[in-house]
Amino acid sequence: MDVNTMRIAVTLLSFVLFIGIGIWAYARRNQARFDEAAQLPFLQD
């Protein structure tokens, strides 16, 4: 396996991980948790 094949593999793996994180971030089951986390800076002690 030469260096160019390794570069292609790492690029493809990174792209797949990026897409996976995007799908996870926009999943409906996470929406309530992210909305709650977004309000944390505005809550007073």
Protein backbone atom coordinates (compact mmCIF):
# COMPACT_ATOMS: atom_id res chain seq x y z
CA MET A 1 0.00 0.00 0.00
CA ASP A 2 1.62 3.24 -1.07
CA VAL A 3 1.21 6.66 0.47
CA ASN A 4 -1.38 7.81 -2.08
CA THR A 5 -3.67 4.89 -1.27
CA MET A 6 -3.37 5.75 2.43
CA ARG A 7 -4.25 9.37 1.69
CA ILE A 8 -7.33 8.29 -0.26
CA ALA A 9 -8.41 5.97 2.57
CA VAL A 10 -7.99 8.68 5.22
CA THR A 11 -9.87 11.21 3.09
CA LEU A 12 -12.77 8.83 2.52
CA LEU A 13 -12.88 7.88 6.20
CA SER A 14 -12.90 11.56 7.20
CA PHE A 15 -15.73 12.28 4.77
CA VAL A 16 -17.80 9.37 6.08
CA LEU A 17 -17.24 10.54 9.67
CA PHE A 18 -18.22 14.09 8.72
CA ILE A 19 -21.47 12.88 7.16
CA GLY A 20 -22.13 10.66 10.19
CA ILE A 21 -21.66 13.54 12.62
CA GLY A 22 -23.97 15.71 10.52
CA ILE A 23 -26.68 13.06 10.55
CA TRP A 24 -26.27 12.58 14.30
CA ALA A 25 -26.41 16.34 14.97
CA TYR A 26 -29.62 16.81 12.99
CA ALA A 27 -31.41 13.68 14.25
CA ARG A 28 -34.79 14.46 15.78
CA ARG A 29 -34.10 12.39 18.89
CA ASN A 30 -31.25 14.78 19.82
CA GLN A 31 -33.23 17.98 19.28
CA ALA A 32 -34.57 18.31 22.84
CA ARG A 33 -31.13 17.75 24.37
CA PHE A 34 -29.48 20.29 22.06
CA ASP A 35 -32.25 22.86 22.67
CA GLU A 36 -31.74 22.48 26.41
CA ALA A 37 -27.97 22.83 26.04
CA ALA A 38 -28.42 25.95 23.90
CA GLN A 39 -30.33 27.65 26.73
CA LEU A 40 -27.69 26.97 29.41
CA PRO A 41 -25.78 30.26 28.94
CA PHE A 42 -28.98 32.23 29.51
CA LEU A 43 -30.05 30.52 32.74
CA GLN A 44 -29.28 32.31 35.97
CA ASP A 45 -27.89 30.53 39.00
